[in-house]
Amino acid sequence: MTDGIIIAGPGGNYTAFVFDNAVSSQQMRKKIDNDLRRKYPIVEQTCFVSKENDIWRGEMAGGEFCGAAALGLAFLISKQEKSDEAFFSFSGCNDFLSAKIRDSQVTAEFFKLSKGVVQKLRENLYVVELPGITHFVTFDNVPLPQPKLRQLIMQYQIQDRAAVGLMIVKSEAKNPTIDPWVWVRDIDSLINETACISGAVATASVISDMTKSVTIQQPCGAMTEINFIETSRDIAVSVASPMNILHLEIAAAA
């Protein structure tokens, strides 16, 4: 892939992938992210992609972890490498990520977690600490989600997190549905996302107690499958979701 922009996502939460090794400063990433979200209203975040010593890396504009962008990057790497597997690093994660791609379906090994990542704060409200992003999960009706998320961030003093989400869960249907709101600290964005893969992981962690597979329906209608694989030391999280490419623009990013 040459320098340019690709927009891809799991039916929602579309990411602009910027392929340019020269984009290194936080200030430049923030400017490009703002410009791209204005130019392409469907874009909800920007991921800066680089390759060094044959290792691909995705870096979000705010340095956070984003599950949709990680799946999208895996999909794009597989296209570039002409392989059904992808191996890469990603902002917010200390471990390398791996994924398998079959047609447009991406299945990725995301995190290795302990059950301690899920904490019950009160009835119907939980907080889930994932690498690179923290999510509140609530089963209550939230009339004003944006101020509610800001209030929760201050109340529980987690302003230092790279990103914080509020997953409002509706469980009347066959598969739980989430309404995701995500704040990113370094670019100070707060977006009602059309899909949130890490939020689906957080929600599934609460619903299943990290013991069984859960399918979460995204606001865009896409289904995200979450699997928990328990080992003697931790719980591995596997995520499967369809991906598609909306736009390809071969041009300098800056």
C-alpha atoms as a PDB file:
ATOM      1  CA  MET A   1       0.000   0.000   0.000  1.00  0.00           C
ATOM      2  CA  THR A   2       1.347   3.405  -0.900  1.00  0.00           C
ATOM      3  CA  ASP A   3       0.654   6.604   1.012  1.00  0.00           C
ATOM      4  CA  GLY A   4      -3.078   7.218   0.943  1.00  0.00           C
ATOM      5  CA  ILE A   5      -6.390   6.822   2.724  1.00  0.00           C
ATOM      6  CA  ILE A   6      -8.698   3.823   2.987  1.00  0.00           C
ATOM      7  CA  ILE A   7     -12.044   3.905   4.792  1.00  0.00           C
ATOM      8  CA  ALA A   8     -13.148   0.560   6.215  1.00  0.00           C
ATOM      9  CA  GLY A   9     -15.314  -0.782   9.017  1.00  0.00           C
ATOM     10  CA  PRO A  10     -17.614  -3.536  10.318  1.00  0.00           C
ATOM     11  CA  GLY A  11     -20.783  -2.078   8.770  1.00  0.00           C
ATOM     12  CA  GLY A  12     -20.388   0.971  11.018  1.00  0.00           C
ATOM     13  CA  ASN A  13     -17.777   2.810  13.130  1.00  0.00           C
ATOM     14  CA  TYR A  14     -15.834   3.473   9.951  1.00  0.00           C
ATOM     15  CA  THR A  15     -12.142   4.241  10.294  1.00  0.00           C
ATOM     16  CA  ALA A  16      -9.997   6.308   7.961  1.00  0.00           C
ATOM     17  CA  PHE A  17      -6.714   4.427   7.628  1.00  0.00           C
ATOM     18  CA  VAL A  18      -3.857   6.762   6.761  1.00  0.00           C
ATOM     19  CA  PHE A  19      -0.827   5.002   5.291  1.00  0.00           C
ATOM     20  CA  ASP A  20       2.033   7.394   5.863  1.00  0.00           C
ATOM     21  CA  ASN A  21       5.113   6.667   7.986  1.00  0.00           C
ATOM     22  CA  ALA A  22       5.816  10.410   8.270  1.00  0.00           C
ATOM     23  CA  VAL A  23       2.787  11.139  10.500  1.00  0.00           C
ATOM     24  CA  SER A  24       4.379  10.927  13.926  1.00  0.00           C
ATOM     25  CA  SER A  25       3.393  13.885  16.107  1.00  0.00           C
ATOM     26  CA  GLN A  26       0.227  13.952  18.207  1.00  0.00           C
ATOM     27  CA  GLN A  27      -0.591  17.450  16.945  1.00  0.00           C
ATOM     28  CA  MET A  28      -0.391  16.348  13.309  1.00  0.00           C
ATOM     29  CA  ARG A  29      -2.497  13.239  13.961  1.00  0.00           C
ATOM     30  CA  LYS A  30      -5.184  15.332  15.675  1.00  0.00           C
ATOM     31  CA  LYS A  31      -5.311  17.791  12.752  1.00  0.00           C
ATOM     32  CA  ILE A  32      -5.560  15.025  10.147  1.00  0.00           C
ATOM     33  CA  ASP A  33      -8.244  13.254  12.190  1.00  0.00           C
ATOM     34  CA  ASN A  34     -10.309  16.452  12.411  1.00  0.00           C
ATOM     35  CA  ASP A  35      -9.865  17.156   8.695  1.00  0.00           C
ATOM     36  CA  LEU A  36     -10.865  13.634   7.640  1.00  0.00           C
ATOM     37  CA  ARG A  37     -13.932  13.517   9.875  1.00  0.00           C
ATOM     38  CA  ARG A  38     -15.074  16.816   8.362  1.00  0.00           C
ATOM     39  CA  LYS A  39     -14.391  15.659   4.797  1.00  0.00           C
ATOM     40  CA  TYR A  40     -15.994  12.222   5.241  1.00  0.00           C
ATOM     41  CA  PRO A  41     -18.963  12.414   7.669  1.00  0.00           C
ATOM     42  CA  ILE A  42     -19.158   8.612   7.818  1.00  0.00           C
ATOM     43  CA  VAL A  43     -15.670   8.459   9.398  1.00  0.00           C
ATOM     44  CA  GLU A  44     -15.711   8.215  13.199  1.00  0.00           C
ATOM     45  CA  GLN A  45     -11.965   7.906  13.854  1.00  0.00           C
ATOM     46  CA  THR A  46      -8.562   7.795  12.191  1.00  0.00           C
ATOM     47  CA  CYS A  47      -5.884   5.110  12.381  1.00  0.00           C
ATOM     48  CA  PHE A  48      -2.325   5.871  11.246  1.00  0.00           C
ATOM     49  CA  VAL A  49      -0.638   2.841   9.730  1.00  0.00           C
ATOM     50  CA  SER A  50       3.096   2.284   9.493  1.00  0.00           C
ATOM     51  CA  LYS A  51       5.399  -0.614   8.743  1.00  0.00           C
ATOM     52  CA  GLU A  52       8.879  -0.973  10.179  1.00  0.00           C
ATOM     53  CA  ASN A  53      11.133  -4.042  10.063  1.00  0.00           C
ATOM     54  CA  ASP A  54       8.272  -5.921   8.369  1.00  0.00           C
ATOM     55  CA  ILE A  55       5.945  -5.287  11.346  1.00  0.00           C
ATOM     56  CA  TRP A  56       2.684  -3.450  10.739  1.00  0.00           C
ATOM     57  CA  ARG A  57       1.397  -1.033  13.387  1.00  0.00           C
ATOM     58  CA  GLY A  58      -1.845   0.860  13.852  1.00  0.00           C
ATOM     59  CA  GLU A  59      -1.856   4.052  15.921  1.00  0.00           C
ATOM     60  CA  MET A  60      -5.126   5.792  16.726  1.00  0.00           C
ATOM     61  CA  ALA A  61      -5.227   9.585  16.657  1.00  0.00           C
ATOM     62  CA  GLY A  62      -5.646   9.629  20.447  1.00  0.00           C
ATOM     63  CA  GLY A  63      -3.308   6.710  21.178  1.00  0.00           C
ATOM     64  CA  GLU A  64      -6.209   4.575  22.393  1.00  0.00           C
ATOM     65  CA  PHE A  65      -7.236   1.053  21.439  1.00  0.00           C
ATOM     66  CA  CYS A  66     -10.056   0.663  18.924  1.00  0.00           C
ATOM     67  CA  GLY A  67     -11.414  -2.787  18.149  1.00  0.00           C
ATOM     68  CA  ALA A  68     -13.082  -1.826  14.869  1.00  0.00           C
ATOM     69  CA  ALA A  69      -9.880  -0.215  13.612  1.00  0.00           C
ATOM     70  CA  ALA A  70      -7.823  -3.237  14.708  1.00  0.00           C
ATOM     71  CA  LEU A  71     -10.119  -5.582  12.776  1.00  0.00           C
ATOM     72  CA  GLY A  72     -10.022  -3.235   9.797  1.00  0.00           C
ATOM     73  CA  LEU A  73      -6.237  -3.093   9.852  1.00  0.00           C
ATOM     74  CA  ALA A  74      -6.059  -6.897   9.953  1.00  0.00           C
ATOM     75  CA  PHE A  75      -8.345  -7.011   6.914  1.00  0.00           C
ATOM     76  CA  LEU A  76      -6.204  -4.499   5.001  1.00  0.00           C
ATOM     77  CA  ILE A  77      -2.945  -6.255   5.915  1.00  0.00           C
ATOM     78  CA  SER A  78      -4.351  -9.530   4.596  1.00  0.00           C
ATOM     79  CA  LYS A  79      -5.178  -7.814   1.305  1.00  0.00           C
ATOM     80  CA  GLN A  80      -1.708  -6.304   1.065  1.00  0.00           C
ATOM     81  CA  GLU A  81       0.156  -9.467   2.050  1.00  0.00           C
ATOM     82  CA  LYS A  82      -2.198 -11.726   0.053  1.00  0.00           C
ATOM     83  CA  SER A  83      -2.563 -13.894   3.133  1.00  0.00           C
ATOM     84  CA  ASP A  84      -5.455 -15.158   5.226  1.00  0.00           C
ATOM     85  CA  GLU A  85      -3.580 -14.160   8.393  1.00  0.00           C
ATOM     86  CA  ALA A  86      -2.387 -10.861   9.853  1.00  0.00           C
ATOM     87  CA  PHE A  87       0.057 -10.067  12.648  1.00  0.00           C
ATOM     88  CA  PHE A  88       0.504  -6.514  13.932  1.00  0.00           C
ATOM     89  CA  SER A  89       0.841  -4.174  16.894  1.00  0.00           C
ATOM     90  CA  PHE A  90      -1.713  -1.567  17.894  1.00  0.00           C
ATOM     91  CA  SER A  91      -1.899   1.487  20.129  1.00  0.00           C
ATOM     92  CA  GLY A  92      -3.099   0.807  23.665  1.00  0.00           C
ATOM     93  CA  CYS A  93      -1.929  -2.838  23.571  1.00  0.00           C
ATOM     94  CA  ASN A  94       1.344  -4.216  24.856  1.00  0.00           C
ATOM     95  CA  ASP A  95       0.905  -7.542  23.070  1.00  0.00           C
ATOM     96  CA  PHE A  96       0.917  -8.183  19.341  1.00  0.00           C
ATOM     97  CA  LEU A  97      -2.454  -9.000  17.787  1.00  0.00           C
ATOM     98  CA  SER A  98      -3.189 -11.770  15.327  1.00  0.00           C
ATOM     99  CA  ALA A  99      -6.144 -12.359  13.051  1.00  0.00           C
ATOM    100  CA  LYS A 100      -7.486 -14.783  10.491  1.00  0.00           C
ATOM    101  CA  ILE A 101      -9.456 -13.580   7.500  1.00  0.00           C
ATOM    102  CA  ARG A 102     -11.950 -15.598   5.493  1.00  0.00           C
ATOM    103  CA  ASP A 103     -13.631 -13.643   2.704  1.00  0.00           C
ATOM    104  CA  SER A 104     -14.812 -10.497   4.516  1.00  0.00           C
ATOM    105  CA  GLN A 105     -14.984 -12.080   7.988  1.00  0.00           C
ATOM    106  CA  VAL A 106     -12.167 -11.179  10.383  1.00  0.00           C
ATOM    107  CA  THR A 107     -11.529 -13.214  13.538  1.00  0.00           C
ATOM    108  CA  ALA A 108      -8.923 -11.677  15.829  1.00  0.00           C
ATOM    109  CA  GLU A 109      -7.233 -12.664  19.058  1.00  0.00           C
ATOM    110  CA  PHE A 110      -7.457  -9.424  21.019  1.00  0.00           C
ATOM    111  CA  PHE A 111      -6.596  -9.525  24.703  1.00  0.00           C
ATOM    112  CA  LYS A 112      -5.632 -11.798  27.512  1.00  0.00           C
ATOM    113  CA  LEU A 113      -7.695 -10.702  30.497  1.00  0.00           C
ATOM    114  CA  SER A 114      -8.357 -11.615  34.102  1.00  0.00           C
ATOM    115  CA  LYS A 115     -11.825 -11.639  35.635  1.00  0.00           C
ATOM    116  CA  GLY A 116     -10.752  -8.650  37.705  1.00  0.00           C
ATOM    117  CA  VAL A 117     -11.251  -6.358  34.706  1.00  0.00           C
ATOM    118  CA  VAL A 118     -15.014  -6.326  35.388  1.00  0.00           C
ATOM    119  CA  GLN A 119     -16.185  -4.394  38.442  1.00  0.00           C
ATOM    120  CA  LYS A 120     -19.768  -3.852  39.548  1.00  0.00           C
ATOM    121  CA  LEU A 121     -20.178  -0.231  40.640  1.00  0.00           C
ATOM    122  CA  ARG A 122     -23.861  -0.428  41.563  1.00  0.00           C
ATOM    123  CA  GLU A 123     -27.035  -2.084  40.332  1.00  0.00           C
ATOM    124  CA  ASN A 124     -27.012  -2.162  36.507  1.00  0.00           C
ATOM    125  CA  LEU A 125     -23.694  -0.290  36.216  1.00  0.00           C
ATOM    126  CA  TYR A 126     -20.295  -1.895  35.609  1.00  0.00           C
ATOM    127  CA  VAL A 127     -16.855  -0.733  34.567  1.00  0.00           C
ATOM    128  CA  VAL A 128     -14.605  -2.899  32.391  1.00  0.00           C
ATOM    129  CA  GLU A 129     -10.895  -2.061  32.120  1.00  0.00           C
ATOM    130  CA  LEU A 130      -9.533  -3.189  28.752  1.00  0.00           C
ATOM    131  CA  PRO A 131      -6.072  -2.436  27.352  1.00  0.00           C
ATOM    132  CA  GLY A 132      -6.132   1.066  25.880  1.00  0.00           C
ATOM    133  CA  ILE A 133      -9.802   1.771  26.646  1.00  0.00           C
ATOM    134  CA  THR A 134     -12.204   1.623  29.601  1.00  0.00           C
ATOM    135  CA  HIS A 135     -15.944   1.054  29.277  1.00  0.00           C
ATOM    136  CA  PHE A 136     -18.899   1.688  31.527  1.00  0.00           C
ATOM    137  CA  VAL A 137     -21.677  -0.819  30.837  1.00  0.00           C
ATOM    138  CA  THR A 138     -25.204  -0.003  31.958  1.00  0.00           C
ATOM    139  CA  PHE A 139     -28.565  -1.719  31.581  1.00  0.00           C
ATOM    140  CA  ASP A 140     -30.460   1.416  32.627  1.00  0.00           C
ATOM    141  CA  ASN A 141     -32.183   3.859  30.316  1.00  0.00           C
ATOM    142  CA  VAL A 142     -29.921   6.904  29.835  1.00  0.00           C
ATOM    143  CA  PRO A 143     -31.831   9.893  28.390  1.00  0.00           C
ATOM    144  CA  LEU A 144     -28.714  12.103  28.038  1.00  0.00           C
ATOM    145  CA  PRO A 145     -25.732   9.808  27.362  1.00  0.00           C
ATOM    146  CA  GLN A 146     -23.148  12.485  26.537  1.00  0.00           C
ATOM    147  CA  PRO A 147     -23.287  14.397  29.848  1.00  0.00           C
ATOM    148  CA  LYS A 148     -23.780  11.095  31.681  1.00  0.00           C
ATOM    149  CA  LEU A 149     -20.494   9.739  30.329  1.00  0.00           C
ATOM    150  CA  ARG A 150     -18.627  12.909  31.295  1.00  0.00           C
ATOM    151  CA  GLN A 151     -20.202  12.753  34.759  1.00  0.00           C
ATOM    152  CA  LEU A 152     -19.162   9.103  35.233  1.00  0.00           C
ATOM    153  CA  ILE A 153     -15.601   9.862  34.132  1.00  0.00           C
ATOM    154  CA  MET A 154     -15.338  12.591  36.779  1.00  0.00           C
ATOM    155  CA  GLN A 155     -17.202  10.637  39.461  1.00  0.00           C
ATOM    156  CA  TYR A 156     -14.920   7.613  39.186  1.00  0.00           C
ATOM    157  CA  GLN A 157     -11.808   9.730  38.510  1.00  0.00           C
ATOM    158  CA  ILE A 158     -10.669   8.045  35.305  1.00  0.00           C
ATOM    159  CA  GLN A 159      -9.837  11.192  33.342  1.00  0.00           C
ATOM    160  CA  ASP A 160      -6.352   9.766  32.778  1.00  0.00           C
ATOM    161  CA  ARG A 161      -7.598   6.898  30.573  1.00  0.00           C
ATOM    162  CA  ALA A 162      -6.784   7.143  26.861  1.00  0.00           C
ATOM    163  CA  ALA A 163     -10.451   6.547  26.041  1.00  0.00           C
ATOM    164  CA  VAL A 164     -13.648   5.850  27.971  1.00  0.00           C
ATOM    165  CA  GLY A 165     -16.916   4.490  26.606  1.00  0.00           C
ATOM    166  CA  LEU A 166     -20.476   4.188  27.859  1.00  0.00           C
ATOM    167  CA  MET A 167     -22.301   1.116  26.555  1.00  0.00           C
ATOM    168  CA  ILE A 168     -26.070   1.364  26.999  1.00  0.00           C
ATOM    169  CA  VAL A 169     -27.354  -2.197  26.691  1.00  0.00           C
ATOM    170  CA  LYS A 170     -30.802  -3.197  25.501  1.00  0.00           C
ATOM    171  CA  SER A 171     -31.458  -6.889  25.967  1.00  0.00           C
ATOM    172  CA  GLU A 172     -35.083  -7.317  24.873  1.00  0.00           C
ATOM    173  CA  ALA A 173     -34.125  -8.859  21.520  1.00  0.00           C
ATOM    174  CA  LYS A 174     -32.488 -12.238  20.874  1.00  0.00           C
ATOM    175  CA  ASN A 175     -29.032 -10.651  20.888  1.00  0.00           C
ATOM    176  CA  PRO A 176     -28.128  -7.793  23.248  1.00  0.00           C
ATOM    177  CA  THR A 177     -27.835  -4.454  21.440  1.00  0.00           C
ATOM    178  CA  ILE A 178     -25.478  -1.669  22.474  1.00  0.00           C
ATOM    179  CA  ASP A 179     -25.724   2.089  22.087  1.00  0.00           C
ATOM    180  CA  PRO A 180     -22.046   3.136  22.309  1.00  0.00           C
ATOM    181  CA  TRP A 181     -20.708   6.551  23.318  1.00  0.00           C
ATOM    182  CA  VAL A 182     -16.921   6.964  23.354  1.00  0.00           C
ATOM    183  CA  TRP A 183     -14.714   9.792  24.629  1.00  0.00           C
ATOM    184  CA  VAL A 184     -11.055   9.998  23.524  1.00  0.00           C
ATOM    185  CA  ARG A 185      -8.901  12.068  25.856  1.00  0.00           C
ATOM    186  CA  ASP A 186      -6.077  13.405  23.666  1.00  0.00           C
ATOM    187  CA  ILE A 187      -8.329  14.622  20.854  1.00  0.00           C
ATOM    188  CA  ASP A 188     -11.256  15.415  23.200  1.00  0.00           C
ATOM    189  CA  SER A 189     -13.857  13.787  20.968  1.00  0.00           C
ATOM    190  CA  LEU A 190     -17.091  12.262  22.248  1.00  0.00           C
ATOM    191  CA  ILE A 191     -18.958  10.324  19.574  1.00  0.00           C
ATOM    192  CA  ASN A 192     -22.125   8.247  19.471  1.00  0.00           C
ATOM    193  CA  GLU A 193     -20.581   5.423  17.458  1.00  0.00           C
ATOM    194  CA  THR A 194     -22.425   3.278  14.933  1.00  0.00           C
ATOM    195  CA  ALA A 195     -20.484   0.237  16.196  1.00  0.00           C
ATOM    196  CA  CYS A 196     -17.990  -0.387  18.986  1.00  0.00           C
ATOM    197  CA  ILE A 197     -16.060  -3.651  18.979  1.00  0.00           C
ATOM    198  CA  SER A 198     -14.254  -3.124  22.290  1.00  0.00           C
ATOM    199  CA  GLY A 199     -17.573  -2.017  23.791  1.00  0.00           C
ATOM    200  CA  ALA A 200     -19.084  -5.290  22.592  1.00  0.00           C
ATOM    201  CA  VAL A 201     -16.241  -7.128  24.353  1.00  0.00           C
ATOM    202  CA  ALA A 202     -16.912  -5.181  27.557  1.00  0.00           C
ATOM    203  CA  THR A 203     -20.648  -5.868  27.345  1.00  0.00           C
ATOM    204  CA  ALA A 204     -20.110  -9.568  26.659  1.00  0.00           C
ATOM    205  CA  SER A 205     -17.704  -9.734  29.616  1.00  0.00           C
ATOM    206  CA  VAL A 206     -20.444  -8.454  31.922  1.00  0.00           C
ATOM    207  CA  ILE A 207     -23.275 -10.541  30.460  1.00  0.00           C
ATOM    208  CA  SER A 208     -21.431 -13.863  30.322  1.00  0.00           C
ATOM    209  CA  ASP A 209     -19.033 -13.444  33.264  1.00  0.00           C
ATOM    210  CA  MET A 210     -16.374 -14.260  30.633  1.00  0.00           C
ATOM    211  CA  THR A 211     -17.428 -17.914  30.504  1.00  0.00           C
ATOM    212  CA  LYS A 212     -19.329 -18.337  27.222  1.00  0.00           C
ATOM    213  CA  SER A 213     -19.739 -16.978  23.712  1.00  0.00           C
ATOM    214  CA  VAL A 214     -21.942 -13.928  23.210  1.00  0.00           C
ATOM    215  CA  THR A 215     -23.190 -12.225  20.042  1.00  0.00           C
ATOM    216  CA  ILE A 216     -23.720  -8.471  20.338  1.00  0.00           C
ATOM    217  CA  GLN A 217     -25.764  -6.471  17.847  1.00  0.00           C
ATOM    218  CA  GLN A 218     -24.252  -3.133  16.886  1.00  0.00           C
ATOM    219  CA  PRO A 219     -26.368  -0.002  16.218  1.00  0.00           C
ATOM    220  CA  CYS A 220     -25.614  -0.394  12.495  1.00  0.00           C
ATOM    221  CA  GLY A 221     -27.134  -3.894  12.605  1.00  0.00           C
ATOM    222  CA  ALA A 222     -23.861  -5.832  12.297  1.00  0.00           C
ATOM    223  CA  MET A 223     -23.299  -8.773  14.627  1.00  0.00           C
ATOM    224  CA  THR A 224     -20.101  -9.106  16.666  1.00  0.00           C
ATOM    225  CA  GLU A 225     -19.235 -12.542  18.034  1.00  0.00           C
ATOM    226  CA  ILE A 226     -17.221 -12.604  21.261  1.00  0.00           C
ATOM    227  CA  ASN A 227     -15.561 -15.782  22.522  1.00  0.00           C
ATOM    228  CA  PHE A 228     -13.765 -16.257  25.827  1.00  0.00           C
ATOM    229  CA  ILE A 229     -11.142 -19.009  26.036  1.00  0.00           C
ATOM    230  CA  GLU A 230     -10.022 -19.734  29.590  1.00  0.00           C
ATOM    231  CA  THR A 231      -6.487 -20.951  30.214  1.00  0.00           C
ATOM    232  CA  SER A 232      -4.632 -21.734  33.425  1.00  0.00           C
ATOM    233  CA  ARG A 233      -3.323 -18.155  33.594  1.00  0.00           C
ATOM    234  CA  ASP A 234      -5.891 -15.883  31.950  1.00  0.00           C
ATOM    235  CA  ILE A 235      -8.850 -15.547  29.586  1.00  0.00           C
ATOM    236  CA  ALA A 236      -8.172 -14.972  25.900  1.00  0.00           C
ATOM    237  CA  VAL A 237     -10.696 -12.903  23.955  1.00  0.00           C
ATOM    238  CA  SER A 238     -11.514 -13.715  20.345  1.00  0.00           C
ATOM    239  CA  VAL A 239     -13.660 -11.365  18.246  1.00  0.00           C
ATOM    240  CA  ALA A 240     -15.280 -12.060  14.875  1.00  0.00           C
ATOM    241  CA  SER A 241     -16.941  -9.471  12.659  1.00  0.00           C
ATOM    242  CA  PRO A 242     -17.544  -8.772   8.967  1.00  0.00           C
ATOM    243  CA  MET A 243     -15.488  -5.969   7.387  1.00  0.00           C
ATOM    244  CA  ASN A 244     -15.812  -3.955   4.224  1.00  0.00           C
ATOM    245  CA  ILE A 245     -13.928  -1.213   2.395  1.00  0.00           C
ATOM    246  CA  LEU A 246     -15.919   1.883   1.466  1.00  0.00           C
ATOM    247  CA  HIS A 247     -13.352   4.206  -0.035  1.00  0.00           C
ATOM    248  CA  LEU A 248      -9.827   4.202  -1.423  1.00  0.00           C
ATOM    249  CA  GLU A 249      -7.934   7.418  -2.057  1.00  0.00           C
ATOM    250  CA  ILE A 250      -4.289   7.256  -3.089  1.00  0.00           C
ATOM    251  CA  ALA A 251      -3.027  10.643  -2.022  1.00  0.00           C
ATOM    252  CA  ALA A 252      -0.729  12.212   0.530  1.00  0.00           C
ATOM    253  CA  ALA A 253      -2.390  12.376   3.931  1.00  0.00           C
ATOM    254  CA  ALA A 254      -0.973  15.664   5.132  1.00  0.00           C
END
